[in-house]
């Protein structure tokens, strides 16, 4: 079964998640935006073996530590979708703009597309391409654990910003309704910022995307 621990990192309190297979103890880290020392302390405390980096998208608070972590531990970088290439290229400028530590661009080991899967140990997660916040944003869904790691697509009571370059509000709403809701009302999602919620709760109460 998939297990996870969410660790807020960077000045933006971005929810970086360490996910692992409880049988093999193999693990991946989702969106290592920064504070790598803190993340590695948690990896050691959990006793898991970090095998990969998975990225939902390439904004600085989600991807700023990726190049350094990959280099330090020899990890493959999985994701996001190629639509975020320009965000990856611009990571050094993003870091300077928002006052982050220096960040480096990188080349993903594997780009992701809608319908792909990623695997850690015996746990397989589905990949859904959910553009709108960024053009290359992806989401990771574990059907067995009824969990989805959604980055900045959806929040408890809110949705991702679409005023960044190549953001698209209509596309974001479509991604949520057409790609997230079918995962099931009982599915709990881990957003890029703030507390967890369920898709069912957001369908009932989120003013941006609730059912009519």
C-alpha atoms as a PDB file:
ATOM      1  CA  UNK A   1       0.000   0.000   0.000  1.00  0.00           C
ATOM      2  CA  UNK A   2       1.124   3.537  -0.723  1.00  0.00           C
ATOM      3  CA  UNK A   3       2.066   5.683   2.273  1.00  0.00           C
ATOM      4  CA  UNK A   4       3.016   9.348   2.328  1.00  0.00           C
ATOM      5  CA  UNK A   5       4.261  12.183   4.472  1.00  0.00           C
ATOM      6  CA  UNK A   6       3.741  15.803   3.501  1.00  0.00           C
ATOM      7  CA  UNK A   7       6.496  18.243   4.414  1.00  0.00           C
ATOM      8  CA  UNK A   8       5.903  21.993   3.877  1.00  0.00           C
ATOM      9  CA  UNK A   9       8.970  23.578   2.253  1.00  0.00           C
ATOM     10  CA  UNK A  10      10.116  27.030   1.117  1.00  0.00           C
ATOM     11  CA  UNK A  11       8.789  30.418   2.160  1.00  0.00           C
ATOM     12  CA  UNK A  12       5.630  29.554   0.187  1.00  0.00           C
ATOM     13  CA  UNK A  13       4.833  26.573   2.494  1.00  0.00           C
ATOM     14  CA  UNK A  14       4.631  24.242  -0.494  1.00  0.00           C
ATOM     15  CA  UNK A  15       3.424  20.732   0.317  1.00  0.00           C
ATOM     16  CA  UNK A  16       6.261  18.436  -0.747  1.00  0.00           C
ATOM     17  CA  UNK A  17       5.229  14.796  -0.327  1.00  0.00           C
ATOM     18  CA  UNK A  18       7.423  11.777   0.338  1.00  0.00           C
ATOM     19  CA  UNK A  19       5.537   8.728  -0.960  1.00  0.00           C
ATOM     20  CA  UNK A  20       6.586   5.132  -0.443  1.00  0.00           C
ATOM     21  CA  UNK A  21       5.570   1.499  -0.822  1.00  0.00           C
ATOM     22  CA  UNK A  22       5.154   0.041   2.659  1.00  0.00           C
ATOM     23  CA  UNK A  23       6.316  -3.392   1.439  1.00  0.00           C
ATOM     24  CA  UNK A  24       9.563  -2.442  -0.301  1.00  0.00           C
ATOM     25  CA  UNK A  25      10.258   0.907   1.440  1.00  0.00           C
ATOM     26  CA  UNK A  26      11.126   2.364  -1.983  1.00  0.00           C
ATOM     27  CA  UNK A  27      10.126   6.028  -2.139  1.00  0.00           C
ATOM     28  CA  UNK A  28       9.708   9.035  -4.402  1.00  0.00           C
ATOM     29  CA  UNK A  29       9.581  12.703  -3.522  1.00  0.00           C
ATOM     30  CA  UNK A  30       6.905  14.828  -5.159  1.00  0.00           C
ATOM     31  CA  UNK A  31       7.774  18.489  -5.827  1.00  0.00           C
ATOM     32  CA  UNK A  32      11.042  19.117  -3.933  1.00  0.00           C
ATOM     33  CA  UNK A  33      10.840  22.893  -4.116  1.00  0.00           C
ATOM     34  CA  UNK A  34      13.585  23.495  -1.566  1.00  0.00           C
ATOM     35  CA  UNK A  35      14.711  22.886   2.036  1.00  0.00           C
ATOM     36  CA  UNK A  36      16.418  19.689   0.906  1.00  0.00           C
ATOM     37  CA  UNK A  37      18.163  19.153   4.242  1.00  0.00           C
ATOM     38  CA  UNK A  38      14.782  19.012   5.975  1.00  0.00           C
ATOM     39  CA  UNK A  39      13.436  16.591   3.379  1.00  0.00           C
ATOM     40  CA  UNK A  40      16.424  14.272   3.700  1.00  0.00           C
ATOM     41  CA  UNK A  41      16.096  14.229   7.497  1.00  0.00           C
ATOM     42  CA  UNK A  42      12.518  12.989   7.042  1.00  0.00           C
ATOM     43  CA  UNK A  43      13.583  10.392   4.468  1.00  0.00           C
ATOM     44  CA  UNK A  44      16.135   9.040   6.941  1.00  0.00           C
ATOM     45  CA  UNK A  45      13.656   9.087   9.836  1.00  0.00           C
ATOM     46  CA  UNK A  46      11.120   7.120   7.779  1.00  0.00           C
ATOM     47  CA  UNK A  47      13.745   4.556   6.817  1.00  0.00           C
ATOM     48  CA  UNK A  48      12.793   4.655   3.139  1.00  0.00           C
ATOM     49  CA  UNK A  49      14.956   4.441   0.024  1.00  0.00           C
ATOM     50  CA  UNK A  50      14.545   7.444  -2.251  1.00  0.00           C
ATOM     51  CA  UNK A  51      14.407   6.265  -5.855  1.00  0.00           C
ATOM     52  CA  UNK A  52      12.905   9.120  -7.919  1.00  0.00           C
ATOM     53  CA  UNK A  53      11.695  12.689  -8.096  1.00  0.00           C
ATOM     54  CA  UNK A  54       8.163  13.233  -9.435  1.00  0.00           C
ATOM     55  CA  UNK A  55       7.073  16.723 -10.503  1.00  0.00           C
ATOM     56  CA  UNK A  56       3.555  18.066 -10.889  1.00  0.00           C
ATOM     57  CA  UNK A  57       4.791  21.285 -12.527  1.00  0.00           C
ATOM     58  CA  UNK A  58       7.829  23.521 -12.727  1.00  0.00           C
ATOM     59  CA  UNK A  59       7.087  26.606 -10.650  1.00  0.00           C
ATOM     60  CA  UNK A  60       9.982  27.534  -8.380  1.00  0.00           C
ATOM     61  CA  UNK A  61       8.320  26.497  -5.092  1.00  0.00           C
ATOM     62  CA  UNK A  62       7.648  23.019  -6.506  1.00  0.00           C
ATOM     63  CA  UNK A  63      10.753  22.395  -8.598  1.00  0.00           C
ATOM     64  CA  UNK A  64      13.472  24.689  -7.225  1.00  0.00           C
ATOM     65  CA  UNK A  65      15.417  21.925  -5.464  1.00  0.00           C
ATOM     66  CA  UNK A  66      15.054  19.344  -8.212  1.00  0.00           C
ATOM     67  CA  UNK A  67      18.404  19.707  -9.987  1.00  0.00           C
ATOM     68  CA  UNK A  68      20.395  19.695  -6.745  1.00  0.00           C
ATOM     69  CA  UNK A  69      18.551  16.703  -5.264  1.00  0.00           C
ATOM     70  CA  UNK A  70      18.816  14.706  -8.468  1.00  0.00           C
ATOM     71  CA  UNK A  71      22.537  15.397  -8.688  1.00  0.00           C
ATOM     72  CA  UNK A  72      23.200  14.733  -5.015  1.00  0.00           C
ATOM     73  CA  UNK A  73      21.498  11.330  -4.928  1.00  0.00           C
ATOM     74  CA  UNK A  74      21.617  10.287  -8.597  1.00  0.00           C
ATOM     75  CA  UNK A  75      17.828  10.283  -8.917  1.00  0.00           C
ATOM     76  CA  UNK A  76      15.781  10.277 -12.122  1.00  0.00           C
ATOM     77  CA  UNK A  77      13.466  13.263 -12.636  1.00  0.00           C
ATOM     78  CA  UNK A  78       9.999  12.095 -13.695  1.00  0.00           C
ATOM     79  CA  UNK A  79       7.675  14.772 -15.100  1.00  0.00           C
ATOM     80  CA  UNK A  80       6.112  17.119 -15.603  1.00  0.00           C
ATOM     81  CA  UNK A  81       4.461  17.271 -19.064  1.00  0.00           C
ATOM     82  CA  UNK A  82       6.556  18.926 -21.841  1.00  0.00           C
ATOM     83  CA  UNK A  83       4.242  21.955 -21.756  1.00  0.00           C
ATOM     84  CA  UNK A  84       6.255  23.195 -18.759  1.00  0.00           C
ATOM     85  CA  UNK A  85       9.616  23.245 -20.543  1.00  0.00           C
ATOM     86  CA  UNK A  86       9.680  27.066 -20.554  1.00  0.00           C
ATOM     87  CA  UNK A  87       9.118  27.114 -16.777  1.00  0.00           C
ATOM     88  CA  UNK A  88      12.030  24.698 -16.280  1.00  0.00           C
ATOM     89  CA  UNK A  89      14.271  26.825 -18.478  1.00  0.00           C
ATOM     90  CA  UNK A  90      13.298  29.876 -16.459  1.00  0.00           C
ATOM     91  CA  UNK A  91      13.933  28.422 -12.989  1.00  0.00           C
ATOM     92  CA  UNK A  92      17.006  30.622 -12.339  1.00  0.00           C
ATOM     93  CA  UNK A  93      14.982  33.739 -13.189  1.00  0.00           C
ATOM     94  CA  UNK A  94      12.020  32.521 -11.119  1.00  0.00           C
ATOM     95  CA  UNK A  95      14.299  32.056  -8.122  1.00  0.00           C
ATOM     96  CA  UNK A  96      15.739  35.534  -8.405  1.00  0.00           C
ATOM     97  CA  UNK A  97      12.297  37.095  -8.883  1.00  0.00           C
ATOM     98  CA  UNK A  98      10.791  35.513  -5.771  1.00  0.00           C
ATOM     99  CA  UNK A  99      13.855  35.649  -3.527  1.00  0.00           C
ATOM    100  CA  UNK A 100      14.524  31.913  -3.512  1.00  0.00           C
ATOM    101  CA  UNK A 101      17.977  30.316  -3.227  1.00  0.00           C
ATOM    102  CA  UNK A 102      19.668  29.886  -6.612  1.00  0.00           C
ATOM    103  CA  UNK A 103      17.867  27.263  -8.690  1.00  0.00           C
ATOM    104  CA  UNK A 104      19.090  25.446 -11.790  1.00  0.00           C
ATOM    105  CA  UNK A 105      17.284  24.262 -14.872  1.00  0.00           C
ATOM    106  CA  UNK A 106      17.329  20.520 -15.587  1.00  0.00           C
ATOM    107  CA  UNK A 107      16.287  18.008 -18.215  1.00  0.00           C
ATOM    108  CA  UNK A 108      13.667  15.502 -17.039  1.00  0.00           C
ATOM    109  CA  UNK A 109      14.715  11.887 -17.323  1.00  0.00           C
ATOM    110  CA  UNK A 110      11.163  11.172 -18.463  1.00  0.00           C
ATOM    111  CA  UNK A 111       8.404  13.523 -19.522  1.00  0.00           C
ATOM    112  CA  UNK A 112       4.850  12.538 -18.611  1.00  0.00           C
ATOM    113  CA  UNK A 113       1.633  12.472 -20.635  1.00  0.00           C
ATOM    114  CA  UNK A 114      -2.012  11.914 -19.779  1.00  0.00           C
ATOM    115  CA  UNK A 115      -2.664   8.238 -19.128  1.00  0.00           C
ATOM    116  CA  UNK A 116       0.899   7.364 -18.150  1.00  0.00           C
ATOM    117  CA  UNK A 117       1.714   5.572 -14.911  1.00  0.00           C
ATOM    118  CA  UNK A 118       4.504   5.942 -12.387  1.00  0.00           C
ATOM    119  CA  UNK A 119       5.551   3.222  -9.986  1.00  0.00           C
ATOM    120  CA  UNK A 120       7.367   3.064  -6.676  1.00  0.00           C
ATOM    121  CA  UNK A 121       7.852  -0.413  -5.232  1.00  0.00           C
ATOM    122  CA  UNK A 122       4.547  -2.240  -5.734  1.00  0.00           C
ATOM    123  CA  UNK A 123       2.497   0.979  -5.837  1.00  0.00           C
ATOM    124  CA  UNK A 124       1.336   2.219  -9.244  1.00  0.00           C
ATOM    125  CA  UNK A 125      -0.135   5.706  -9.690  1.00  0.00           C
ATOM    126  CA  UNK A 126      -2.023   7.050 -12.681  1.00  0.00           C
ATOM    127  CA  UNK A 127      -0.892  10.282 -14.324  1.00  0.00           C
ATOM    128  CA  UNK A 128      -3.441  12.832 -15.513  1.00  0.00           C
ATOM    129  CA  UNK A 129      -2.447  15.903 -17.503  1.00  0.00           C
ATOM    130  CA  UNK A 130      -4.331  18.803 -15.883  1.00  0.00           C
ATOM    131  CA  UNK A 131      -3.357  22.066 -17.626  1.00  0.00           C
ATOM    132  CA  UNK A 132      -4.621  25.485 -16.644  1.00  0.00           C
ATOM    133  CA  UNK A 133      -2.375  26.590 -13.783  1.00  0.00           C
ATOM    134  CA  UNK A 134       0.566  25.744 -16.037  1.00  0.00           C
ATOM    135  CA  UNK A 135       0.333  24.109 -19.467  1.00  0.00           C
ATOM    136  CA  UNK A 136       2.344  21.056 -18.398  1.00  0.00           C
ATOM    137  CA  UNK A 137       0.795  20.376 -14.991  1.00  0.00           C
ATOM    138  CA  UNK A 138       0.185  16.725 -14.080  1.00  0.00           C
ATOM    139  CA  UNK A 139      -1.526  14.987 -11.167  1.00  0.00           C
ATOM    140  CA  UNK A 140      -0.635  11.639  -9.552  1.00  0.00           C
ATOM    141  CA  UNK A 141      -3.533   9.386  -8.473  1.00  0.00           C
ATOM    142  CA  UNK A 142      -3.324   6.272  -6.315  1.00  0.00           C
ATOM    143  CA  UNK A 143      -6.614   4.386  -6.717  1.00  0.00           C
ATOM    144  CA  UNK A 144      -5.653   1.823  -4.046  1.00  0.00           C
ATOM    145  CA  UNK A 145      -4.914   4.479  -1.440  1.00  0.00           C
ATOM    146  CA  UNK A 146      -7.701   6.810  -2.647  1.00  0.00           C
ATOM    147  CA  UNK A 147      -5.227   9.686  -2.713  1.00  0.00           C
ATOM    148  CA  UNK A 148      -4.322  12.232  -5.389  1.00  0.00           C
ATOM    149  CA  UNK A 149      -1.343  14.581  -5.388  1.00  0.00           C
ATOM    150  CA  UNK A 150      -2.690  17.542  -7.327  1.00  0.00           C
ATOM    151  CA  UNK A 151      -0.066  20.293  -7.061  1.00  0.00           C
ATOM    152  CA  UNK A 152      -1.644  23.698  -7.680  1.00  0.00           C
ATOM    153  CA  UNK A 153      -4.693  22.560  -9.664  1.00  0.00           C
ATOM    154  CA  UNK A 154      -7.109  22.464  -6.715  1.00  0.00           C
ATOM    155  CA  UNK A 155      -7.062  23.582  -3.081  1.00  0.00           C
ATOM    156  CA  UNK A 156      -9.420  23.198  -0.154  1.00  0.00           C
ATOM    157  CA  UNK A 157     -11.902  25.932  -1.002  1.00  0.00           C
ATOM    158  CA  UNK A 158      -9.896  27.292  -3.927  1.00  0.00           C
ATOM    159  CA  UNK A 159      -8.282  26.651  -7.300  1.00  0.00           C
ATOM    160  CA  UNK A 160      -4.907  27.372  -8.847  1.00  0.00           C
ATOM    161  CA  UNK A 161      -3.980  30.788 -10.173  1.00  0.00           C
ATOM    162  CA  UNK A 162      -4.240  31.261 -13.917  1.00  0.00           C
ATOM    163  CA  UNK A 163      -2.675  34.715 -14.273  1.00  0.00           C
ATOM    164  CA  UNK A 164       0.839  33.366 -14.858  1.00  0.00           C
ATOM    165  CA  UNK A 165       2.205  33.037 -18.416  1.00  0.00           C
ATOM    166  CA  UNK A 166       0.226  30.428 -20.385  1.00  0.00           C
ATOM    167  CA  UNK A 167      -2.297  29.996 -17.577  1.00  0.00           C
ATOM    168  CA  UNK A 168      -5.871  29.364 -18.712  1.00  0.00           C
ATOM    169  CA  UNK A 169      -8.872  29.581 -16.376  1.00  0.00           C
ATOM    170  CA  UNK A 170     -11.332  27.694 -18.581  1.00  0.00           C
ATOM    171  CA  UNK A 171      -8.760  24.950 -19.092  1.00  0.00           C
ATOM    172  CA  UNK A 172      -8.182  24.680 -15.336  1.00  0.00           C
ATOM    173  CA  UNK A 173     -11.901  24.302 -14.592  1.00  0.00           C
ATOM    174  CA  UNK A 174     -12.156  21.654 -17.306  1.00  0.00           C
ATOM    175  CA  UNK A 175      -9.159  19.785 -15.847  1.00  0.00           C
ATOM    176  CA  UNK A 176     -10.784  19.699 -12.419  1.00  0.00           C
ATOM    177  CA  UNK A 177     -14.218  18.619 -13.556  1.00  0.00           C
ATOM    178  CA  UNK A 178     -13.189  16.206 -16.296  1.00  0.00           C
ATOM    179  CA  UNK A 179      -9.999  14.701 -14.858  1.00  0.00           C
ATOM    180  CA  UNK A 180     -10.212  14.999 -11.067  1.00  0.00           C
ATOM    181  CA  UNK A 181     -13.895  14.423 -10.289  1.00  0.00           C
ATOM    182  CA  UNK A 182     -13.957  10.976 -11.988  1.00  0.00           C
ATOM    183  CA  UNK A 183     -11.379   9.804  -9.423  1.00  0.00           C
ATOM    184  CA  UNK A 184     -14.275   9.641  -6.949  1.00  0.00           C
ATOM    185  CA  UNK A 185     -15.815  11.824  -4.256  1.00  0.00           C
ATOM    186  CA  UNK A 186     -14.116   9.787  -1.522  1.00  0.00           C
ATOM    187  CA  UNK A 187     -10.635  10.465  -2.899  1.00  0.00           C
ATOM    188  CA  UNK A 188      -8.563  12.673  -0.616  1.00  0.00           C
ATOM    189  CA  UNK A 189      -6.260  15.108  -2.381  1.00  0.00           C
ATOM    190  CA  UNK A 190      -2.981  16.599  -1.238  1.00  0.00           C
ATOM    191  CA  UNK A 191      -2.760  20.107  -2.698  1.00  0.00           C
ATOM    192  CA  UNK A 192       0.365  22.129  -3.337  1.00  0.00           C
ATOM    193  CA  UNK A 193      -0.488  24.431  -0.425  1.00  0.00           C
ATOM    194  CA  UNK A 194      -2.777  24.214   2.575  1.00  0.00           C
ATOM    195  CA  UNK A 195      -4.799  21.379   4.085  1.00  0.00           C
ATOM    196  CA  UNK A 196      -6.030  18.186   2.471  1.00  0.00           C
ATOM    197  CA  UNK A 197      -9.638  17.813   1.382  1.00  0.00           C
ATOM    198  CA  UNK A 198     -11.720  15.381  -0.651  1.00  0.00           C
ATOM    199  CA  UNK A 199     -13.104  15.777  -4.135  1.00  0.00           C
ATOM    200  CA  UNK A 200     -16.583  15.218  -2.747  1.00  0.00           C
ATOM    201  CA  UNK A 201     -16.206  18.073  -0.267  1.00  0.00           C
ATOM    202  CA  UNK A 202     -14.995  20.409  -3.008  1.00  0.00           C
ATOM    203  CA  UNK A 203     -17.860  19.414  -5.305  1.00  0.00           C
ATOM    204  CA  UNK A 204     -20.247  20.399  -2.537  1.00  0.00           C
ATOM    205  CA  UNK A 205     -18.601  23.507  -1.111  1.00  0.00           C
ATOM    206  CA  UNK A 206     -15.824  24.963  -3.295  1.00  0.00           C
ATOM    207  CA  UNK A 207     -17.336  28.151  -4.799  1.00  0.00           C
ATOM    208  CA  UNK A 208     -15.139  27.922  -7.913  1.00  0.00           C
ATOM    209  CA  UNK A 209     -16.039  24.376  -9.002  1.00  0.00           C
ATOM    210  CA  UNK A 210     -18.947  23.094  -6.937  1.00  0.00           C
ATOM    211  CA  UNK A 211     -21.733  21.227  -8.663  1.00  0.00           C
ATOM    212  CA  UNK A 212     -24.671  23.324  -9.770  1.00  0.00           C
END
